Amino acid sequence: EVWSEPLFAVSEAADKLADNDASIAATLPYNPSAQARTLQIDLMIFSEAQGRLGAYESKRGFGLHDSGKIRSMRRDLRCTQMLLRSYGEAVGCR
């Protein structure tokens, strides 16, 4: 299954924990009503055979990004990763 998620809710807890490199291993509950901000996820892909949910963002071109944009992209990646398991359960992915 493939879909996009234009309003992926990021909680305040995920946003605060995202500063830590170890946050990538954390799992937090996905709660759209407790969002601090939202992210636009271009592709959500669920493989029922593998039991795996992935979130992907498409970028244009092969240009370089400044250090602030790189930090922002890493922060968004960490937030998404922490919330992905719970999000998948919320939308019915086993």
PDB file of N, CA and C in Angstrom:
ATOM      1  N   GLU A   1       0.837  -1.175   0.000  1.00  0.00           N
ATOM      2  CA  GLU A   1       0.000   0.000   0.000  1.00  0.00           C
ATOM      3  C   GLU A   1       0.885   1.241   0.000  1.00  0.00           C
ATOM      4  N   VAL A   2       0.460   2.246  -0.744  1.00  0.00           N
ATOM      5  CA  VAL A   2       1.221   3.498  -0.843  1.00  0.00           C
ATOM      6  C   VAL A   2       0.250   4.662  -0.699  1.00  0.00           C
ATOM      7  N   TRP A   3       0.606   5.640   0.099  1.00  0.00           N
ATOM      8  CA  TRP A   3      -0.200   6.844   0.253  1.00  0.00           C
ATOM      9  C   TRP A   3       0.691   7.992   0.702  1.00  0.00           C
ATOM     10  N   SER A   4       0.130   9.196   0.691  1.00  0.00           N
ATOM     11  CA  SER A   4       0.859  10.351   1.219  1.00  0.00           C
ATOM     12  C   SER A   4       0.175  10.785   2.507  1.00  0.00           C
ATOM     13  N   GLU A   5       0.913  11.459   3.349  1.00  0.00           N
ATOM     14  CA  GLU A   5       0.376  11.940   4.625  1.00  0.00           C
ATOM     15  C   GLU A   5       0.728  13.419   4.736  1.00  0.00           C
ATOM     16  N   PRO A   6      -0.188  14.295   4.278  1.00  0.00           N
ATOM     17  CA  PRO A   6       0.127  15.724   4.265  1.00  0.00           C
ATOM     18  C   PRO A   6       0.155  16.372   5.652  1.00  0.00           C
ATOM     19  N   LEU A   7      -0.441  15.722   6.647  1.00  0.00           N
ATOM     20  CA  LEU A   7      -0.506  16.303   7.992  1.00  0.00           C
ATOM     21  C   LEU A   7      -0.043  15.304   9.049  1.00  0.00           C
ATOM     22  N   PHE A   8       1.193  14.844   8.943  1.00  0.00           N
ATOM     23  CA  PHE A   8       1.754  13.923   9.924  1.00  0.00           C
ATOM     24  C   PHE A   8       2.032  14.726  11.196  1.00  0.00           C
ATOM     25  N   ALA A   9       1.335  14.384  12.268  1.00  0.00           N
ATOM     26  CA  ALA A   9       1.408  15.153  13.515  1.00  0.00           C
ATOM     27  C   ALA A   9       2.667  14.807  14.311  1.00  0.00           C
ATOM     28  N   VAL A  10       3.429  15.823  14.653  1.00  0.00           N
ATOM     29  CA  VAL A  10       4.634  15.663  15.482  1.00  0.00           C
ATOM     30  C   VAL A  10       4.322  16.227  16.864  1.00  0.00           C
ATOM     31  N   SER A  11       4.456  15.398  17.866  1.00  0.00           N
ATOM     32  CA  SER A  11       4.160  15.830  19.232  1.00  0.00           C
ATOM     33  C   SER A  11       5.299  16.677  19.798  1.00  0.00           C
ATOM     34  N   GLU A  12       5.000  17.407  20.845  1.00  0.00           N
ATOM     35  CA  GLU A  12       6.013  18.217  21.512  1.00  0.00           C
ATOM     36  C   GLU A  12       7.113  17.327  22.083  1.00  0.00           C
ATOM     37  N   ALA A  13       6.729  16.152  22.603  1.00  0.00           N
ATOM     38  CA  ALA A  13       7.711  15.221  23.166  1.00  0.00           C
ATOM     39  C   ALA A  13       8.699  14.759  22.095  1.00  0.00           C
ATOM     40  N   ALA A  14       8.192  14.425  20.916  1.00  0.00           N
ATOM     41  CA  ALA A  14       9.066  13.988  19.824  1.00  0.00           C
ATOM     42  C   ALA A  14       9.972  15.133  19.385  1.00  0.00           C
ATOM     43  N   ASP A  15       9.408  16.323  19.308  1.00  0.00           N
ATOM     44  CA  ASP A  15      10.187  17.484  18.888  1.00  0.00           C
ATOM     45  C   ASP A  15      11.337  17.770  19.851  1.00  0.00           C
ATOM     46  N   LYS A  16      11.080  17.629  21.149  1.00  0.00           N
ATOM     47  CA  LYS A  16      12.128  17.875  22.146  1.00  0.00           C
ATOM     48  C   LYS A  16      13.190  16.783  22.128  1.00  0.00           C
ATOM     49  N   LEU A  17      12.762  15.526  21.987  1.00  0.00           N
ATOM     50  CA  LEU A  17      13.692  14.402  22.008  1.00  0.00           C
ATOM     51  C   LEU A  17      14.542  14.332  20.742  1.00  0.00           C
ATOM     52  N   ALA A  18      14.083  14.957  19.675  1.00  0.00           N
ATOM     53  CA  ALA A  18      14.775  14.875  18.376  1.00  0.00           C
ATOM     54  C   ALA A  18      16.163  15.495  18.379  1.00  0.00           C
ATOM     55  N   ASP A  19      16.482  16.301  19.384  1.00  0.00           N
ATOM     56  CA  ASP A  19      17.817  16.896  19.463  1.00  0.00           C
ATOM     57  C   ASP A  19      18.889  15.872  19.804  1.00  0.00           C
ATOM     58  N   ASN A  20      18.488  14.739  20.345  1.00  0.00           N
ATOM     59  CA  ASN A  20      19.410  13.705  20.801  1.00  0.00           C
ATOM     60  C   ASN A  20      19.603  12.659  19.700  1.00  0.00           C
ATOM     61  N   ASP A  21      20.844  12.317  19.372  1.00  0.00           N
ATOM     62  CA  ASP A  21      21.117  11.306  18.343  1.00  0.00           C
ATOM     63  C   ASP A  21      20.525   9.948  18.693  1.00  0.00           C
ATOM     64  N   ALA A  22      20.385   9.626  19.968  1.00  0.00           N
ATOM     65  CA  ALA A  22      19.831   8.338  20.391  1.00  0.00           C
ATOM     66  C   ALA A  22      18.318   8.275  20.177  1.00  0.00           C
ATOM     67  N   SER A  23      17.701   9.390  19.831  1.00  0.00           N
ATOM     68  CA  SER A  23      16.245   9.437  19.659  1.00  0.00           C
ATOM     69  C   SER A  23      15.764   8.521  18.547  1.00  0.00           C
ATOM     70  N   ILE A  24      16.608   8.195  17.603  1.00  0.00           N
ATOM     71  CA  ILE A  24      16.209   7.362  16.467  1.00  0.00           C
ATOM     72  C   ILE A  24      15.735   5.981  16.937  1.00  0.00           C
ATOM     73  N   ALA A  25      16.188   5.545  18.108  1.00  0.00           N
ATOM     74  CA  ALA A  25      15.780   4.243  18.637  1.00  0.00           C
ATOM     75  C   ALA A  25      14.537   4.332  19.519  1.00  0.00           C
ATOM     76  N   ALA A  26      14.075   5.546  19.809  1.00  0.00           N
ATOM     77  CA  ALA A  26      12.918   5.729  20.685  1.00  0.00           C
ATOM     78  C   ALA A  26      11.616   5.502  19.922  1.00  0.00           C
ATOM     79  N   THR A  27      10.578   5.088  20.651  1.00  0.00           N
ATOM     80  CA  THR A  27       9.237   4.947  20.097  1.00  0.00           C
ATOM     81  C   THR A  27       8.285   5.746  20.969  1.00  0.00           C
ATOM     82  N   LEU A  28       7.568   6.667  20.362  1.00  0.00           N
ATOM     83  CA  LEU A  28       6.615   7.504  21.087  1.00  0.00           C
ATOM     84  C   LEU A  28       5.218   7.305  20.513  1.00  0.00           C
ATOM     85  N   PRO A  29       4.188   7.570  21.320  1.00  0.00           N
ATOM     86  CA  PRO A  29       2.816   7.424  20.812  1.00  0.00           C
ATOM     87  C   PRO A  29       2.457   8.516  19.812  1.00  0.00           C
ATOM     88  N   TYR A  30       1.763   8.128  18.762  1.00  0.00           N
ATOM     89  CA  TYR A  30       1.281   9.071  17.758  1.00  0.00           C
ATOM     90  C   TYR A  30      -0.090   9.565  18.201  1.00  0.00           C
ATOM     91  N   ASN A  31      -0.204  10.869  18.395  1.00  0.00           N
ATOM     92  CA  ASN A  31      -1.453  11.456  18.857  1.00  0.00           C
ATOM     93  C   ASN A  31      -1.704  12.747  18.076  1.00  0.00           C
ATOM     94  N   PRO A  32      -2.521  12.677  17.015  1.00  0.00           N
ATOM     95  CA  PRO A  32      -2.757  13.858  16.186  1.00  0.00           C
ATOM     96  C   PRO A  32      -3.332  15.051  16.959  1.00  0.00           C
ATOM     97  N   SER A  33      -4.063  14.800  18.025  1.00  0.00           N
ATOM     98  CA  SER A  33      -4.661  15.918  18.761  1.00  0.00           C
ATOM     99  C   SER A  33      -3.647  16.627  19.656  1.00  0.00           C
ATOM    100  N   ALA A  34      -2.488  16.025  19.878  1.00  0.00           N
ATOM    101  CA  ALA A  34      -1.463  16.634  20.734  1.00  0.00           C
ATOM    102  C   ALA A  34      -0.280  17.138  19.907  1.00  0.00           C
ATOM    103  N   GLN A  35      -0.551  17.545  18.694  1.00  0.00           N
ATOM    104  CA  GLN A  35       0.541  17.938  17.805  1.00  0.00           C
ATOM    105  C   GLN A  35       1.112  19.303  18.160  1.00  0.00           C
ATOM    106  N   ALA A  36       2.410  19.407  18.006  1.00  0.00           N
ATOM    107  CA  ALA A  36       3.102  20.688  18.135  1.00  0.00           C
ATOM    108  C   ALA A  36       3.271  21.313  16.751  1.00  0.00           C
ATOM    109  N   ARG A  37       3.410  20.429  15.750  1.00  0.00           N
ATOM    110  CA  ARG A  37       3.556  20.864  14.357  1.00  0.00           C
ATOM    111  C   ARG A  37       3.251  19.679  13.462  1.00  0.00           C
ATOM    112  N   THR A  38       3.207  19.904  12.166  1.00  0.00           N
ATOM    113  CA  THR A  38       2.961  18.816  11.225  1.00  0.00           C
ATOM    114  C   THR A  38       4.072  18.753  10.185  1.00  0.00           C
ATOM    115  N   LEU A  39       4.228  17.569   9.632  1.00  0.00           N
ATOM    116  CA  LEU A  39       5.160  17.348   8.528  1.00  0.00           C
ATOM    117  C   LEU A  39       4.368  16.827   7.339  1.00  0.00           C
ATOM    118  N   GLN A  40       4.842  17.109   6.149  1.00  0.00           N
ATOM    119  CA  GLN A  40       4.250  16.534   4.954  1.00  0.00           C
ATOM    120  C   GLN A  40       5.116  15.354   4.539  1.00  0.00           C
ATOM    121  N   ILE A  41       4.557  14.158   4.642  1.00  0.00           N
ATOM    122  CA  ILE A  41       5.275  12.944   4.230  1.00  0.00           C
ATOM    123  C   ILE A  41       4.822  12.621   2.810  1.00  0.00           C
ATOM    124  N   ASP A  42       5.760  12.616   1.880  1.00  0.00           N
ATOM    125  CA  ASP A  42       5.426  12.416   0.473  1.00  0.00           C
ATOM    126  C   ASP A  42       4.935  11.004   0.187  1.00  0.00           C
ATOM    127  N   LEU A  43       5.603  10.012   0.747  1.00  0.00           N
ATOM    128  CA  LEU A  43       5.225   8.614   0.519  1.00  0.00           C
ATOM    129  C   LEU A  43       5.244   7.826   1.820  1.00  0.00           C
ATOM    130  N   MET A  44       4.142   7.167   2.104  1.00  0.00           N
ATOM    131  CA  MET A  44       4.078   6.182   3.180  1.00  0.00           C
ATOM    132  C   MET A  44       3.902   4.852   2.465  1.00  0.00           C
ATOM    133  N   ILE A  45       4.755   3.911   2.747  1.00  0.00           N
ATOM    134  CA  ILE A  45       4.697   2.616   2.070  1.00  0.00           C
ATOM    135  C   ILE A  45       4.631   1.522   3.114  1.00  0.00           C
ATOM    136  N   PHE A  46       3.583   0.683   3.022  1.00  0.00           N
ATOM    137  CA  PHE A  46       3.428  -0.430   3.951  1.00  0.00           C
ATOM    138  C   PHE A  46       3.478  -1.740   3.183  1.00  0.00           C
ATOM    139  N   SER A  47       4.389  -2.609   3.588  1.00  0.00           N
ATOM    140  CA  SER A  47       4.496  -3.945   3.019  1.00  0.00           C
ATOM    141  C   SER A  47       3.912  -4.920   4.033  1.00  0.00           C
ATOM    142  N   GLU A  48       2.738  -5.461   3.722  1.00  0.00           N
ATOM    143  CA  GLU A  48       2.112  -6.415   4.633  1.00  0.00           C
ATOM    144  C   GLU A  48       2.940  -7.693   4.742  1.00  0.00           C
ATOM    145  N   ALA A  49       3.546  -8.116   3.633  1.00  0.00           N
ATOM    146  CA  ALA A  49       4.361  -9.341   3.637  1.00  0.00           C
ATOM    147  C   ALA A  49       5.550  -9.214   4.582  1.00  0.00           C
ATOM    148  N   GLN A  50       6.165  -8.030   4.624  1.00  0.00           N
ATOM    149  CA  GLN A  50       7.319  -7.808   5.492  1.00  0.00           C
ATOM    150  C   GLN A  50       6.923  -7.203   6.835  1.00  0.00           C
ATOM    151  N   GLY A  51       5.688  -6.718   6.945  1.00  0.00           N
ATOM    152  CA  GLY A  51       5.262  -6.051   8.164  1.00  0.00           C
ATOM    153  C   GLY A  51       6.074  -4.789   8.409  1.00  0.00           C
ATOM    154  N   ARG A  52       6.329  -4.037   7.342  1.00  0.00           N
ATOM    155  CA  ARG A  52       7.204  -2.868   7.431  1.00  0.00           C
ATOM    156  C   ARG A  52       6.513  -1.633   6.875  1.00  0.00           C
ATOM    157  N   LEU A  53       6.595  -0.553   7.633  1.00  0.00           N
ATOM    158  CA  LEU A  53       6.074   0.732   7.208  1.00  0.00           C
ATOM    159  C   LEU A  53       7.240   1.688   7.032  1.00  0.00           C
ATOM    160  N   GLY A  54       7.287   2.376   5.912  1.00  0.00           N
ATOM    161  CA  GLY A  54       8.352   3.337   5.653  1.00  0.00           C
ATOM    162  C   GLY A  54       7.774   4.687   5.287  1.00  0.00           C
ATOM    163  N   ALA A  55       8.492   5.732   5.634  1.00  0.00           N
ATOM    164  CA  ALA A  55       8.094   7.099   5.321  1.00  0.00           C
ATOM    165  C   ALA A  55       9.202   7.739   4.490  1.00  0.00           C
ATOM    166  N   TYR A  56       8.825   8.392   3.397  1.00  0.00           N
ATOM    167  CA  TYR A  56       9.805   8.935   2.471  1.00  0.00           C
ATOM    168  C   TYR A  56       9.436  10.356   2.061  1.00  0.00           C
ATOM    169  N   GLU A  57      10.439  11.191   1.920  1.00  0.00           N
ATOM    170  CA  GLU A  57      10.255  12.542   1.430  1.00  0.00           C
ATOM    171  C   GLU A  57      11.070  12.682   0.152  1.00  0.00           C
ATOM    172  N   SER A  58      10.452  13.196  -0.889  1.00  0.00           N
ATOM    173  CA  SER A  58      11.140  13.381  -2.169  1.00  0.00           C
ATOM    174  C   SER A  58      11.742  14.772  -2.222  1.00  0.00           C
ATOM    175  N   LYS A  59      12.989  14.843  -2.649  1.00  0.00           N
ATOM    176  CA  LYS A  59      13.674  16.122  -2.826  1.00  0.00           C
ATOM    177  C   LYS A  59      14.011  16.293  -4.297  1.00  0.00           C
ATOM    178  N   ARG A  60      13.970  17.532  -4.748  1.00  0.00           N
ATOM    179  CA  ARG A  60      14.299  17.817  -6.142  1.00  0.00           C
ATOM    180  C   ARG A  60      15.792  18.075  -6.289  1.00  0.00           C
ATOM    181  N   GLY A  61      16.314  17.679  -7.415  1.00  0.00           N
ATOM    182  CA  GLY A  61      17.688  18.022  -7.773  1.00  0.00           C
ATOM    183  C   GLY A  61      18.746  17.363  -6.905  1.00  0.00           C
ATOM    184  N   PHE A  62      19.958  17.723  -7.189  1.00  0.00           N
ATOM    185  CA  PHE A  62      21.101  17.178  -6.465  1.00  0.00           C
ATOM    186  C   PHE A  62      21.904  18.295  -5.823  1.00  0.00           C
ATOM    187  N   GLY A  63      21.238  19.400  -5.544  1.00  0.00           N
ATOM    188  CA  GLY A  63      21.925  20.558  -4.979  1.00  0.00           C
ATOM    189  C   GLY A  63      22.329  20.341  -3.538  1.00  0.00           C
ATOM    190  N   LEU A  64      23.207  21.205  -3.094  1.00  0.00           N
ATOM    191  CA  LEU A  64      23.667  21.150  -1.712  1.00  0.00           C
ATOM    192  C   LEU A  64      22.702  21.920  -0.823  1.00  0.00           C
ATOM    193  N   HIS A  65      22.635  21.529   0.441  1.00  0.00           N
ATOM    194  CA  HIS A  65      21.799  22.208   1.417  1.00  0.00           C
ATOM    195  C   HIS A  65      22.707  22.873   2.447  1.00  0.00           C
ATOM    196  N   ASP A  66      22.263  24.016   2.958  1.00  0.00           N
ATOM    197  CA  ASP A  66      23.046  24.678   3.998  1.00  0.00           C
ATOM    198  C   ASP A  66      22.894  23.912   5.310  1.00  0.00           C
ATOM    199  N   SER A  67      23.735  24.224   6.274  1.00  0.00           N
ATOM    200  CA  SER A  67      23.758  23.466   7.524  1.00  0.00           C
ATOM    201  C   SER A  67      22.441  23.565   8.284  1.00  0.00           C
ATOM    202  N   GLY A  68      21.752  24.694   8.212  1.00  0.00           N
ATOM    203  CA  GLY A  68      20.464  24.831   8.889  1.00  0.00           C
ATOM    204  C   GLY A  68      19.418  23.903   8.304  1.00  0.00           C
ATOM    205  N   LYS A  69      19.376  23.788   6.977  1.00  0.00           N
ATOM    206  CA  LYS A  69      18.422  22.895   6.321  1.00  0.00           C
ATOM    207  C   LYS A  69      18.748  21.443   6.631  1.00  0.00           C
ATOM    208  N   ILE A  70      20.004  21.088   6.674  1.00  0.00           N
ATOM    209  CA  ILE A  70      20.404  19.719   7.009  1.00  0.00           C
ATOM    210  C   ILE A  70      19.956  19.376   8.425  1.00  0.00           C
ATOM    211  N   ARG A  71      20.158  20.292   9.369  1.00  0.00           N
ATOM    212  CA  ARG A  71      19.693  20.066  10.749  1.00  0.00           C
ATOM    213  C   ARG A  71      18.179  19.882  10.799  1.00  0.00           C
ATOM    214  N   SER A  72      17.463  20.703  10.042  1.00  0.00           N
ATOM    215  CA  SER A  72      16.007  20.626   9.998  1.00  0.00           C
ATOM    216  C   SER A  72      15.537  19.283   9.419  1.00  0.00           C
ATOM    217  N   MET A  73      16.183  18.824   8.352  1.00  0.00           N
ATOM    218  CA  MET A  73      15.815  17.539   7.744  1.00  0.00           C
ATOM    219  C   MET A  73      16.106  16.384   8.696  1.00  0.00           C
ATOM    220  N   ARG A  74      17.231  16.434   9.399  1.00  0.00           N
ATOM    221  CA  ARG A  74      17.560  15.377  10.368  1.00  0.00           C
ATOM    222  C   ARG A  74      16.557  15.356  11.518  1.00  0.00           C
ATOM    223  N   ARG A  75      16.178  16.533  11.992  1.00  0.00           N
ATOM    224  CA  ARG A  75      15.196  16.640  13.073  1.00  0.00           C
ATOM    225  C   ARG A  75      13.860  16.023  12.632  1.00  0.00           C
ATOM    226  N   ASP A  76      13.415  16.368  11.427  1.00  0.00           N
ATOM    227  CA  ASP A  76      12.160  15.815  10.902  1.00  0.00           C
ATOM    228  C   ASP A  76      12.248  14.301  10.759  1.00  0.00           C
ATOM    229  N   LEU A  77      13.379  13.802  10.297  1.00  0.00           N
ATOM    230  CA  LEU A  77      13.587  12.362  10.165  1.00  0.00           C
ATOM    231  C   LEU A  77      13.486  11.670  11.521  1.00  0.00           C
ATOM    232  N   ARG A  78      14.139  12.224  12.522  1.00  0.00           N
ATOM    233  CA  ARG A  78      14.093  11.626  13.861  1.00  0.00           C
ATOM    234  C   ARG A  78      12.681  11.636  14.426  1.00  0.00           C
ATOM    235  N   CYS A  79      11.977  12.746  14.259  1.00  0.00           N
ATOM    236  CA  CYS A  79      10.594  12.828  14.750  1.00  0.00           C
ATOM    237  C   CYS A  79       9.719  11.776  14.065  1.00  0.00           C
ATOM    238  N   THR A  80       9.834  11.673  12.760  1.00  0.00           N
ATOM    239  CA  THR A  80       9.038  10.693  12.013  1.00  0.00           C
ATOM    240  C   THR A  80       9.353   9.282  12.475  1.00  0.00           C
ATOM    241  N   GLN A  81      10.622   8.970  12.638  1.00  0.00           N
ATOM    242  CA  GLN A  81      11.021   7.622  13.038  1.00  0.00           C
ATOM    243  C   GLN A  81      10.478   7.264  14.421  1.00  0.00           C
ATOM    244  N   MET A  82      10.501   8.212  15.353  1.00  0.00           N
ATOM    245  CA  MET A  82      10.005   7.943  16.711  1.00  0.00           C
ATOM    246  C   MET A  82       8.505   7.674  16.735  1.00  0.00           C
ATOM    247  N   LEU A  83       7.766   8.272  15.815  1.00  0.00           N
ATOM    248  CA  LEU A  83       6.309   8.179  15.822  1.00  0.00           C
ATOM    249  C   LEU A  83       5.761   7.158  14.830  1.00  0.00           C
ATOM    250  N   LEU A  84       6.602   6.623  13.957  1.00  0.00           N
ATOM    251  CA  LEU A  84       6.149   5.803  12.841  1.00  0.00           C
ATOM    252  C   LEU A  84       5.437   4.521  13.270  1.00  0.00           C
ATOM    253  N   ARG A  85       5.955   3.805  14.231  1.00  0.00           N
ATOM    254  CA  ARG A  85       5.333   2.549  14.665  1.00  0.00           C
ATOM    255  C   ARG A  85       3.912   2.803  15.188  1.00  0.00           C
ATOM    256  N   SER A  86       3.779   3.782  16.049  1.00  0.00           N
ATOM    257  CA  SER A  86       2.478   4.099  16.616  1.00  0.00           C
ATOM    258  C   SER A  86       1.515   4.635  15.546  1.00  0.00           C
ATOM    259  N   TYR A  87       2.029   5.437  14.617  1.00  0.00           N
ATOM    260  CA  TYR A  87       1.211   5.923  13.511  1.00  0.00           C
ATOM    261  C   TYR A  87       0.675   4.737  12.704  1.00  0.00           C
ATOM    262  N   GLY A  88       1.547   3.798  12.391  1.00  0.00           N
ATOM    263  CA  GLY A  88       1.140   2.618  11.628  1.00  0.00           C
ATOM    264  C   GLY A  88       0.029   1.845  12.314  1.00  0.00           C
ATOM    265  N   GLU A  89       0.143   1.667  13.618  1.00  0.00           N
ATOM    266  CA  GLU A  89      -0.906   0.990  14.370  1.00  0.00           C
ATOM    267  C   GLU A  89      -2.209   1.786  14.316  1.00  0.00           C
ATOM    268  N   ALA A  90      -2.118   3.122  14.381  1.00  0.00           N
ATOM    269  CA  ALA A  90      -3.302   3.982  14.358  1.00  0.00           C
ATOM    270  C   ALA A  90      -4.049   3.910  13.026  1.00  0.00           C
ATOM    271  N   VAL A  91      -3.318   3.701  11.929  1.00  0.00           N
ATOM    272  CA  VAL A  91      -3.971   3.649  10.618  1.00  0.00           C
ATOM    273  C   VAL A  91      -4.240   2.212  10.159  1.00  0.00           C
ATOM    274  N   GLY A  92      -4.009   1.244  11.033  1.00  0.00           N
ATOM    275  CA  GLY A  92      -4.382  -0.146  10.737  1.00  0.00           C
ATOM    276  C   GLY A  92      -3.318  -1.011  10.104  1.00  0.00           C
ATOM    277  N   CYS A  93      -2.068  -0.591  10.142  1.00  0.00           N
ATOM    278  CA  CYS A  93      -0.972  -1.441   9.634  1.00  0.00           C
ATOM    279  C   CYS A  93      -0.556  -2.401  10.743  1.00  0.00           C
ATOM    280  N   ARG A  94      -0.502  -3.679  10.416  1.00  0.00           N
ATOM    281  CA  ARG A  94      -0.118  -4.671  11.433  1.00  0.00           C
ATOM    282  C   ARG A  94       1.382  -4.878  11.474  1.00  0.00           C
TER     283      ARG A  94
END
